[in-house]
Amino acid sequence: MPRDRLQELREKASGNHIYHEPETKDPANQPLIDPSADFGMFLERCSNLRQSLKSLDDEYDAIVQLHGSLLSTPGADADNSVKLNNHSQMFITKADQIQKSLKILSEETRNLPANACGISRAKNEQVRAIYRTFETMMIKFNKEQEEYKDKAKRKIVDYLKIRNMQLSDEEIEDAVSSGNLSELTKGVMLALNEKKALYDDVKSRADELKNLERQMGELAQMFHDLHILIVSQGEMVDHIENSVHNATEYAQRARGNVEEARTLQKRARKMKVCIIIGAIIAVLILLVFFQAAKTMTNHHIERDLHSASVYTHQARSDVAEARKLQQRAQAMKVCIVIGVIIAILILIFAFLESNMCQFLSIC
């Protein structure tokens, strides 16, 4: 039997009716039917059906008590027979109303939209539970009617056997069906009051059997309609079970995808960590390389500066030596010029002296 979760669903439905401050929204965007309110109304209708089933069960208990009372009464009991007919007719009327209400609920659950999967399953579960309760009660009622019919027939046979009338079941059924019960008792030699009492008793039982036949005919039609509803409900339940099975497969597939995604995420994290570590190592290597390059550059610069200072000092020495050589060259140049001048003067004096000598010799 499915678990009846009516109270839990009521609490959930009532939990959805929490008061909120009214908001100004566009009426065109508002839904025509509030799903929570619709589900609450559905649960209320299911509760009314359960109350009707309880009332139907009370009628069944009253019928069982009247059956026992009528079978234990030695003579005809007109009052209990009338009560039995009234309770039986009331039972059939209430059962017909419940069946029509169940048919309406079944049609509503069948026409639910596909996107309301959770609400659809909850509604179908409620309707299915009510169907099972109603079917169980109808089977009990039908079984009680069959047993009472058999017991009533046996009691008629017992009444007739007391008067030494040996009749078969077929003859009794024919007499009850045709209503010719007087033919069964016309050969019995009894007093008028005894014969009338026996006739009334047998006739009362026969009338009860006729009512039972009529009620069982109505029950047969009701069982046929109920069977059709149960078959359609079963198809709906099968469809829901298939949907649940497909949802289970999708959930398992999604779980596998989630596990695979987690594995890929772990790999991605490991790859990310490796990339970060590699980047850090590369940065450290670059820093070491740049530091070494900077150190070497500084060393080269210092060496170049030292070489430049050496070259500068050497250049200064060369410049000083060049200056000395220049001074020497200038002094030598002056000496040469002076020597040349002296030589010229000597030549001039020598020439003048020779000319003077010639002039003197001439003179």
Foldseek 3Di string as FASTA:
>chain_A
DDDDCLVVLLVVLVVVPDDDDDDDDDVVPDDPDDVSVVLNVLSVVLVVLVVLLVVLVVLLVLLLVLLVVLLPDPFDDVVSLVVNLVSLVVSLVSLVVSLVVLVVLLVVLVPDDPVPLVSSVVSLVSSVVSLVSSVVSLVVSLVSLVVSLVSLLVVLCVLLVVQVQDDDSVVLVVCLVVVVVVVSCVPRPDDPVVSVRNSNRNNSSSVSNVSSVVSVVSSVVVVVSSVVSVVSSVVVVVVSVVVVVVVVVVVVVVVVVVVVVVVVVVVVVVVVVVVVVVVVVVVVVVVVVVVVVVVVVVVVVVVVVVVVVVVVVVVVVVVVVVVVVVVVVVVVVVVVVVVVVVVVVVVVVVVVVVVVVVVVVVD
